[in-house]
Protein backbone atom coordinates (compact mmCIF):
# COMPACT_ATOMS: atom_id res chain seq x y z
CA UNK A 1 8.62 -13.01 83.47
CA UNK A 2 7.48 -11.30 80.22
CA UNK A 3 11.01 -10.04 79.48
CA UNK A 4 12.39 -13.56 79.98
CA UNK A 5 9.84 -15.01 77.50
CA UNK A 6 10.66 -12.37 74.89
CA UNK A 7 14.38 -13.15 75.16
CA UNK A 8 13.66 -16.86 74.69
CA UNK A 9 11.58 -16.17 71.58
CA UNK A 10 14.32 -13.92 70.16
CA UNK A 11 16.99 -16.57 70.74
CA UNK A 12 14.77 -19.21 69.16
CA UNK A 13 14.18 -17.09 66.03
CA UNK A 14 17.91 -16.34 65.67
CA UNK A 15 18.68 -20.04 65.96
CA UNK A 16 16.09 -20.87 63.27
CA UNK A 17 17.49 -18.22 60.90
CA UNK A 18 21.04 -19.49 61.43
CA UNK A 19 19.94 -23.09 60.90
CA UNK A 20 18.10 -22.11 57.69
CA UNK A 21 21.17 -20.28 56.34
CA UNK A 22 23.40 -23.24 57.14
CA UNK A 23 20.92 -25.56 55.41
CA UNK A 24 20.93 -23.44 52.24
CA UNK A 25 24.74 -23.38 52.29
CA UNK A 26 24.92 -27.16 52.65
CA UNK A 27 22.40 -27.57 49.83
CA UNK A 28 24.38 -25.27 47.55
CA UNK A 29 27.66 -27.02 48.26
CA UNK A 30 26.09 -30.42 47.57
CA UNK A 31 24.94 -29.49 44.05
CA UNK A 32 26.84 -31.02 41.15
CA UNK A 33 28.59 -28.45 38.95
CA UNK A 34 27.80 -28.65 35.23
CA UNK A 35 28.75 -26.53 32.23
CA UNK A 36 25.42 -24.80 32.56
CA UNK A 37 25.83 -23.88 36.25
CA UNK A 38 29.58 -23.46 36.54
CA UNK A 39 29.81 -20.86 33.78
CA UNK A 40 26.82 -18.77 34.82
CA UNK A 41 27.97 -15.17 35.15
CA UNK A 42 31.42 -15.94 33.75
CA UNK A 43 32.88 -14.37 30.62
CA UNK A 44 35.67 -15.56 28.38
CA UNK A 45 38.89 -13.63 27.96
CA UNK A 46 38.48 -11.20 25.09
CA UNK A 47 34.67 -11.11 25.17
CA UNK A 48 33.24 -7.68 24.46
CA UNK A 49 30.93 -6.13 27.08
CA UNK A 50 28.17 -5.62 24.49
CA UNK A 51 28.22 -9.30 23.44
CA UNK A 52 26.41 -12.13 25.13
CA UNK A 53 28.46 -14.37 27.41
CA UNK A 54 30.00 -17.26 25.52
CA UNK A 55 27.83 -19.93 27.18
CA UNK A 56 24.68 -17.86 26.59
CA UNK A 57 25.54 -17.18 22.96
CA UNK A 58 26.13 -20.87 22.25
CA UNK A 59 22.89 -21.81 24.00
CA UNK A 60 20.91 -19.30 21.93
CA UNK A 61 22.47 -20.64 18.71
CA UNK A 62 21.62 -24.21 19.68
CA UNK A 63 18.07 -23.22 20.60
CA UNK A 64 17.59 -21.37 17.30
CA UNK A 65 18.87 -24.38 15.35
CA UNK A 66 16.55 -26.72 17.28
CA UNK A 67 13.62 -24.36 16.70
CA UNK A 68 14.39 -24.29 12.96
CA UNK A 69 14.57 -28.08 12.88
CA UNK A 70 11.51 -28.97 14.93
CA UNK A 71 9.20 -25.93 14.99
CA UNK A 72 7.30 -25.41 11.71
CA UNK A 73 6.65 -21.76 12.53
CA UNK A 74 10.35 -21.05 13.07
CA UNK A 75 11.24 -22.89 9.86
CA UNK A 76 8.70 -20.81 7.95
CA UNK A 77 10.04 -17.54 9.35
CA UNK A 78 13.55 -18.33 8.09
CA UNK A 79 12.22 -19.61 4.77
CA UNK A 80 10.21 -16.43 4.17
CA UNK A 81 13.31 -14.28 4.64
CA UNK A 82 15.35 -16.44 2.27
CA UNK A 83 12.62 -16.68 -0.36
CA UNK A 84 12.16 -12.92 -0.54
CA UNK A 85 15.87 -12.07 -0.32
CA UNK A 86 17.22 -14.66 -2.77
CA UNK A 87 14.09 -15.91 -4.54
CA UNK A 88 14.70 -13.75 -7.61
CA UNK A 89 18.28 -14.96 -7.92
CA UNK A 90 21.48 -12.91 -8.02
CA UNK A 91 24.01 -12.27 -10.74
CA UNK A 92 27.32 -10.47 -11.18
CA UNK A 93 27.56 -7.51 -13.54
CA UNK A 94 31.09 -6.34 -14.44
CA UNK A 95 32.31 -4.05 -17.21
CA UNK A 96 35.86 -5.51 -17.23
CA UNK A 97 35.82 -8.54 -19.55
CA UNK A 98 38.64 -10.55 -17.88
CA UNK A 99 37.36 -9.82 -14.38
CA UNK A 100 33.85 -10.74 -15.47
CA UNK A 101 35.03 -14.09 -16.84
CA UNK A 102 36.84 -14.91 -13.60
CA UNK A 103 33.89 -13.87 -11.42
CA UNK A 104 31.51 -16.01 -13.47
CA UNK A 105 33.97 -18.94 -13.26
CA UNK A 106 34.10 -18.52 -9.48
CA UNK A 107 30.30 -18.19 -9.26
CA UNK A 108 29.61 -21.30 -11.35
CA UNK A 109 32.49 -23.50 -10.18
CA UNK A 110 31.24 -26.96 -9.09
CA UNK A 111 32.91 -26.51 -5.71
CA UNK A 112 31.24 -23.14 -5.15
CA UNK A 113 27.79 -23.41 -6.81
CA UNK A 114 26.89 -19.91 -5.68
CA UNK A 115 23.39 -19.98 -7.17
CA UNK A 116 22.51 -22.93 -4.92
CA UNK A 117 24.58 -21.65 -2.01
CA UNK A 118 22.61 -18.40 -1.77
CA UNK A 119 19.88 -20.20 0.17
CA UNK A 120 22.44 -21.66 2.58
CA UNK A 121 24.04 -18.25 3.15
CA UNK A 122 20.73 -16.49 3.76
CA UNK A 123 19.47 -19.25 6.08
CA UNK A 124 22.62 -19.23 8.20
CA UNK A 125 22.66 -15.44 8.40
CA UNK A 126 19.04 -15.33 9.59
CA UNK A 127 19.32 -18.41 11.84
CA UNK A 128 22.53 -17.53 13.72
CA UNK A 129 23.05 -13.85 12.91
CA UNK A 130 26.60 -14.57 11.71
CA UNK A 131 28.37 -15.76 8.57
CA UNK A 132 31.86 -17.22 8.86
CA UNK A 133 33.11 -17.81 5.31
CA UNK A 134 36.33 -19.74 4.73
CA UNK A 135 38.09 -18.81 1.49
CA UNK A 136 40.72 -21.22 0.13
CA UNK A 137 42.77 -20.44 -2.98
CA UNK A 138 44.70 -22.84 -5.21
CA UNK A 139 48.00 -21.96 -6.98
CA UNK A 140 46.06 -21.10 -10.15
CA UNK A 141 44.20 -18.32 -8.35
CA UNK A 142 40.75 -19.96 -8.14
CA UNK A 143 39.14 -19.60 -4.72
CA UNK A 144 36.65 -21.91 -3.04
CA UNK A 145 34.04 -20.87 -0.50
CA UNK A 146 32.91 -22.85 2.53
CA UNK A 147 30.51 -21.82 5.28
CA UNK A 148 31.71 -22.63 8.80
CA UNK A 149 28.90 -23.09 11.36
CA UNK A 150 28.76 -20.14 13.72
CA UNK A 151 28.51 -22.46 16.72
CA UNK A 152 31.94 -23.91 15.82
CA UNK A 153 33.66 -20.55 16.36
CA UNK A 154 34.65 -20.12 19.97
CA UNK A 155 36.43 -16.78 20.01
CA UNK A 156 37.26 -13.81 17.80
CA UNK A 157 40.53 -11.93 18.26
CA UNK A 158 40.55 -8.28 17.25
CA UNK A 159 42.65 -5.16 17.62
CA UNK A 160 42.73 -3.96 21.24
CA UNK A 161 41.38 -0.53 20.29
CA UNK A 162 38.88 -1.56 17.59
CA UNK A 163 36.55 -4.56 17.77
CA UNK A 164 35.69 -4.19 14.08
CA UNK A 165 39.28 -4.93 13.02
CA UNK A 166 39.15 -8.69 13.52
CA UNK A 167 42.43 -10.61 13.35
CA UNK A 168 41.80 -14.32 13.93
CA UNK A 169 38.95 -16.78 14.45
CA UNK A 170 39.42 -19.68 16.86
CA UNK A 171 37.29 -22.83 16.55
CA UNK A 172 36.08 -24.99 19.39
CA UNK A 173 38.12 -28.13 20.14
CA UNK A 174 36.85 -31.24 18.37
CA UNK A 175 36.57 -34.72 19.88
CA UNK A 176 40.35 -35.12 19.63
CA UNK A 177 40.93 -31.81 21.40
CA UNK A 178 42.21 -30.09 18.23
CA UNK A 179 41.32 -26.41 17.80
CA UNK A 180 41.97 -24.49 14.58
CA UNK A 181 42.73 -20.83 14.09
CA UNK A 182 42.04 -18.96 10.85
CA UNK A 183 43.44 -15.52 10.03
CA UNK A 184 41.03 -12.81 9.01
CA UNK A 185 41.33 -11.70 5.40
CA UNK A 186 43.32 -8.49 5.09
CA UNK A 187 43.97 -7.29 1.53
CA UNK A 188 46.91 -5.19 2.74
CA UNK A 189 48.58 -8.11 4.53
CA UNK A 190 47.69 -11.15 2.42
CA UNK A 191 50.51 -13.70 2.39
CA UNK A 192 51.99 -14.60 -1.04
CA UNK A 193 51.29 -18.27 -0.25
CA UNK A 194 47.61 -17.34 0.04
CA UNK A 195 46.64 -19.60 2.97
CA UNK A 196 42.96 -20.12 3.83
CA UNK A 197 41.43 -16.98 5.28
CA UNK A 198 38.11 -16.28 6.95
CA UNK A 199 35.62 -13.47 6.50
CA UNK A 200 33.02 -12.67 9.14
CA UNK A 201 29.71 -10.87 8.65
CA UNK A 202 26.97 -10.23 11.20
CA UNK A 203 23.42 -8.87 11.41
CA UNK A 204 21.36 -7.73 14.42
CA UNK A 205 24.60 -6.66 16.08
CA UNK A 206 24.63 -3.87 18.67
CA UNK A 207 27.28 -1.19 18.40
CA UNK A 208 30.52 -2.29 20.06
CA UNK A 209 29.80 -6.02 19.72
CA UNK A 210 31.52 -8.65 17.58
CA UNK A 211 28.72 -11.19 17.27
CA UNK A 212 25.37 -10.85 15.58
CA UNK A 213 22.13 -12.43 16.78
CA UNK A 214 19.55 -14.63 15.13
CA UNK A 215 16.26 -13.30 13.82
CA UNK A 216 14.64 -15.96 16.03
CA UNK A 217 16.41 -14.93 19.25
CA UNK A 218 13.74 -12.46 20.48
CA UNK A 219 10.88 -14.91 19.92
CA UNK A 220 12.39 -18.21 21.09
CA UNK A 221 10.41 -18.33 24.31
CA UNK A 222 7.21 -17.36 22.50
CA UNK A 223 7.76 -20.04 19.88
CA UNK A 224 8.15 -22.53 22.72
CA UNK A 225 5.01 -21.26 24.46
CA UNK A 226 2.97 -21.37 21.27
CA UNK A 227 4.14 -24.94 20.57
CA UNK A 228 3.21 -25.98 24.13
CA UNK A 229 -0.18 -24.26 23.89
CA UNK A 230 -0.90 -25.91 20.55
CA UNK A 231 0.14 -29.33 21.83
CA UNK A 232 -2.18 -28.95 24.79
CA UNK A 233 -5.06 -28.02 22.50
CA UNK A 234 -4.38 -31.01 20.26
CA UNK A 235 -4.28 -33.32 23.25
CA UNK A 236 -7.57 -31.94 24.57
CA UNK A 237 -9.25 -32.13 21.18
CA UNK A 238 -8.15 -35.75 20.95
CA UNK A 239 -10.50 -36.46 23.84
CA UNK A 240 -13.18 -34.01 22.75
CA UNK A 241 -15.41 -36.82 21.47
CA UNK A 242 -14.64 -39.03 24.42
CA UNK A 243 -17.34 -39.23 27.07
CA UNK A 244 -18.37 -41.32 30.04
CA UNK A 245 -21.76 -42.78 30.86
CA UNK A 246 -23.08 -42.26 34.35
CA UNK A 247 -25.85 -44.64 35.43
CA UNK A 248 -27.87 -43.78 38.53
CA UNK A 249 -30.12 -46.40 40.15
CA UNK A 250 -31.15 -47.75 43.53
CA UNK A 251 -29.37 -51.02 44.16
CA UNK A 252 -30.24 -53.42 46.92
CA UNK A 253 -26.60 -54.04 47.76
CA UNK A 254 -23.03 -53.33 46.68
CA UNK A 255 -22.86 -56.68 44.92
CA UNK A 256 -25.91 -55.76 42.80
CA UNK A 257 -24.25 -52.49 41.81
CA UNK A 258 -20.99 -54.28 40.92
CA UNK A 259 -22.92 -56.86 38.88
CA UNK A 260 -24.72 -54.16 36.90
CA UNK A 261 -21.46 -52.29 36.25
CA UNK A 262 -19.84 -55.52 35.07
CA UNK A 263 -22.70 -56.09 32.64
CA UNK A 264 -22.41 -52.61 31.16
CA UNK A 265 -18.59 -52.81 30.95
CA UNK A 266 -18.79 -56.12 29.13
CA UNK A 267 -21.46 -54.93 26.67
CA UNK A 268 -21.28 -51.11 26.46
CA UNK A 269 -23.87 -49.40 24.23
CA UNK A 270 -22.54 -48.74 20.73
CA UNK A 271 -22.46 -45.28 19.24
CA UNK A 272 -25.80 -44.44 17.60
CA UNK A 273 -27.60 -47.36 19.23
CA UNK A 274 -30.94 -47.15 20.97
CA UNK A 275 -30.85 -47.62 24.72
CA UNK A 276 -34.04 -48.65 26.52
CA UNK A 277 -34.17 -48.69 30.30
CA UNK A 278 -36.87 -48.75 32.93
CA UNK A 279 -37.59 -45.99 35.38
CA UNK A 280 -35.23 -47.44 37.95
CA UNK A 281 -32.15 -46.24 35.96
CA UNK A 282 -31.15 -42.75 34.92
CA UNK A 283 -28.44 -42.36 32.25
CA UNK A 284 -26.29 -39.24 31.67
CA UNK A 285 -23.05 -38.36 29.90
CA UNK A 286 -19.92 -36.55 31.14
CA UNK A 287 -18.05 -34.79 28.30
CA UNK A 288 -15.05 -32.39 28.45
CA UNK A 289 -15.66 -28.66 28.08
CA UNK A 290 -12.84 -27.18 25.99
CA UNK A 291 -13.94 -23.53 25.79
CA UNK A 292 -12.33 -23.40 22.34
CA UNK A 293 -13.36 -19.81 21.63
CA UNK A 294 -11.44 -18.40 24.60
CA UNK A 295 -8.44 -20.61 23.80
CA UNK A 296 -8.27 -19.34 20.21
CA UNK A 297 -7.89 -15.79 21.53
CA UNK A 298 -4.95 -16.89 23.67
CA UNK A 299 -3.27 -18.60 20.73
CA UNK A 300 -3.75 -15.54 18.52
CA UNK A 301 -2.18 -13.30 21.18
CA UNK A 302 0.92 -15.51 21.32
CA UNK A 303 1.15 -15.61 17.55
CA UNK A 304 0.90 -11.81 17.38
CA UNK A 305 3.88 -11.55 19.72
CA UNK A 306 5.86 -13.89 17.43
CA UNK A 307 4.85 -11.95 14.32
CA UNK A 308 5.82 -8.63 15.90
CA UNK A 309 9.16 -10.05 17.05
CA UNK A 310 10.21 -11.17 13.57
CA UNK A 311 8.61 -8.28 11.66
CA UNK A 312 6.02 -10.28 9.73
CA UNK A 313 2.29 -9.61 9.35
CA UNK A 314 -0.02 -12.34 10.58
CA UNK A 315 -1.23 -13.28 7.12
CA UNK A 316 2.38 -14.28 6.31
CA UNK A 317 2.07 -16.87 9.10
CA UNK A 318 -1.18 -18.46 7.92
CA UNK A 319 -3.31 -16.27 10.20
CA UNK A 320 -5.66 -13.99 8.23
CA UNK A 321 -5.87 -10.96 10.50
CA UNK A 322 -8.28 -9.11 8.22
CA UNK A 323 -10.51 -10.09 5.35
CA UNK A 324 -9.71 -6.95 3.31
CA UNK A 325 -6.94 -6.95 0.72
CA UNK A 326 -6.10 -3.30 1.42
CA UNK A 327 -5.26 -4.03 5.05
CA UNK A 328 -3.13 -7.02 4.09
CA UNK A 329 -1.16 -5.01 1.53
CA UNK A 330 -0.63 -2.10 3.92
CA UNK A 331 0.64 -4.38 6.68
CA UNK A 332 3.09 -5.98 4.26
CA UNK A 333 4.87 -2.70 3.50
CA UNK A 334 7.24 -2.64 6.52
CA UNK A 335 7.99 -6.33 6.02
CA UNK A 336 9.07 -5.76 2.41
CA UNK A 337 11.30 -2.92 3.59
CA UNK A 338 12.93 -5.29 6.04
CA UNK A 339 13.51 -7.84 3.29
CA UNK A 340 15.02 -5.13 1.07
CA UNK A 341 17.40 -4.20 3.88
CA UNK A 342 18.49 -7.81 4.31
CA UNK A 343 18.90 -8.18 0.54
CA UNK A 344 21.22 -5.17 0.43
CA UNK A 345 23.24 -6.69 3.25
CA UNK A 346 23.57 -10.02 1.46
CA UNK A 347 24.52 -8.30 -1.80
CA UNK A 348 27.27 -6.37 -0.01
CA UNK A 349 28.52 -9.61 1.58
CA UNK A 350 28.72 -11.32 -1.80
CA UNK A 351 30.48 -8.33 -3.35
CA UNK A 352 33.03 -8.34 -0.53
CA UNK A 353 33.69 -12.08 -0.97
CA UNK A 354 34.00 -11.71 -4.75
CA UNK A 355 36.39 -8.78 -4.28
CA UNK A 356 38.61 -10.92 -2.04
CA UNK A 357 38.56 -13.78 -4.58
CA UNK A 358 39.38 -11.38 -7.44
CA UNK A 359 42.30 -9.81 -5.58
CA UNK A 360 43.72 -13.23 -4.81
CA UNK A 361 43.30 -14.34 -8.41
CA UNK A 362 45.14 -11.20 -9.59
CA UNK A 363 48.20 -12.40 -7.70
CA UNK A 364 48.36 -15.48 -9.92
CA UNK A 365 47.26 -13.75 -13.14
CA UNK A 366 48.72 -10.31 -13.75
CA UNK A 367 46.21 -9.67 -16.54
CA UNK A 368 43.38 -9.42 -14.01
CA UNK A 369 42.53 -6.01 -12.58
CA UNK A 370 42.03 -6.45 -8.80
CA UNK A 371 40.15 -3.14 -8.64
CA UNK A 372 37.72 -3.88 -11.48
CA UNK A 373 34.27 -2.39 -10.89
CA UNK A 374 31.47 -4.92 -10.52
CA UNK A 375 28.11 -5.22 -8.82
CA UNK A 376 25.90 -8.03 -7.55
CA UNK A 377 22.36 -7.52 -8.76
CA UNK A 378 19.30 -9.17 -7.21
CA UNK A 379 15.70 -9.70 -8.23
CA UNK A 380 12.82 -7.57 -7.05
CA UNK A 381 11.54 -8.21 -3.56
CA UNK A 382 7.97 -7.81 -4.74
CA UNK A 383 6.52 -7.55 -8.23
CA UNK A 384 3.40 -5.87 -6.88
CA UNK A 385 4.62 -2.30 -7.53
CA UNK A 386 6.15 -2.91 -10.97
CA UNK A 387 3.02 -1.64 -12.69
CA UNK A 388 3.02 1.57 -10.63
CA UNK A 389 6.73 2.09 -11.28
CA UNK A 390 6.28 1.55 -15.01
CA UNK A 391 3.51 4.14 -15.11
CA UNK A 392 5.56 6.61 -13.07
CA UNK A 393 8.62 6.06 -15.28
CA UNK A 394 6.60 6.61 -18.44
CA UNK A 395 5.22 9.91 -17.16
CA UNK A 396 8.64 10.99 -15.90
CA UNK A 397 10.20 10.19 -19.29
CA UNK A 398 7.65 12.38 -21.10
CA UNK A 399 8.29 15.32 -18.75
CA UNK A 400 12.08 14.85 -18.89
CA UNK A 401 12.13 14.77 -22.70
CA UNK A 402 10.12 17.98 -22.86
CA UNK A 403 12.53 19.67 -20.44
CA UNK A 404 15.49 18.39 -22.47
CA UNK A 405 13.96 19.69 -25.68
CA UNK A 406 13.69 23.14 -24.08
CA UNK A 407 17.34 22.99 -23.00
CA UNK A 408 16.54 23.09 -19.27
CA UNK A 409 18.30 19.78 -18.42
CA UNK A 410 21.03 17.71 -20.02
CA UNK A 411 21.08 14.04 -21.10
CA UNK A 412 22.46 12.77 -17.81
CA UNK A 413 19.63 14.45 -15.90
CA UNK A 414 17.06 12.89 -18.23
CA UNK A 415 18.43 9.43 -17.47
CA UNK A 416 18.62 10.13 -13.76
CA UNK A 417 14.98 11.19 -13.60
CA UNK A 418 13.71 8.24 -15.63
CA UNK A 419 15.73 5.67 -13.67
CA UNK A 420 14.72 7.36 -10.43
CA UNK A 421 11.00 6.96 -11.14
CA UNK A 422 11.52 3.42 -12.42
CA UNK A 423 12.97 2.50 -9.03
CA UNK A 424 16.37 1.62 -10.49
CA UNK A 425 19.79 2.87 -9.47
CA UNK A 426 23.41 2.40 -10.42
CA UNK A 427 25.47 3.61 -13.37
CA UNK A 428 23.70 5.11 -16.36
CA UNK A 429 24.98 4.71 -19.89
CA UNK A 430 25.52 7.80 -22.01
CA UNK A 431 22.64 8.71 -24.28
CA UNK A 432 23.44 8.81 -28.01
């Protein structure tokens, strides 16, 4: 009898498991496929294994753009990067007179407006991690720069054996189903007709990948959590001053209680008024308990995660972590290094674009030297250490002049030492 009961229980359990599996299968087959569910786990042809999947990459770009538009903290993070990287302005320095004139004409052309476009370039690079620059050239040799949104690029074609040798950039189909394809700029294979070409630059890109990533990508979820936490706190504080009166009394009947409640609802006591009752009624107040001190600790923890993710100290995000100036200056050191790194990247990008424009212009004007030496110079990231550099340069100059007078170093070494301690680099002019 016991064996028979155990067999029945086993059969019943197997039937329940089978019924549950069939139910899950029916539920899965009944779900409506969308772009978000159908493409999960799929990869596009040509995607690199180190890149995000196409659907994931587009979603991250959209989320970063939405965060920049609607989240003040995200907007400030991007603005801080741009203000430090391009706030001092940039200019082109070239020793070749004709090349310098062309580069300045390109820089100041009304259709280029590079001084104003620096902010747009830095914002897009930090917000999406990519810069897709379309360079168009007229028959006279003048080129015009346009920034193509990174989200509009669907696919990048490259050499089969080298992902860094990009060949073409394919845009997403528009509302009419039209998709464009732009060739990558190749100075060794530039067509004489000089059609529009595209140049691609990326930051935060892992080795072996084609696409960069936004500065906001690691902190998107924390930005969302901080915004939700802050909204909850604002909603609770809205009702912080709200309260409810509780009146306790012995009523002869339910109708007497309802009558008294109707009287108080019709004529509630005003704020600051004097309320006089007899001993038959006891008044009390119910008010919300927000525990604001504990909540502030939670908000600070989330904000610290955001600050660490984007490489900014808390006092850059309106959160004074310490009251001492020394601590604030010390914590800003790594951040300034990060801004210097991004500034060098943007300078190299601009130099590469200007080199492409100069080479194209040299096709139309043989007097231009396509290999003229030039450099994009940028302002200081921080003026805080200029005084220290000036003092160090002055002391280094005195020592270098004494060594030169004794014949221990030559003129070039004097200049190198002085410029080195002044924090400047580049070419040094010959001393008279």
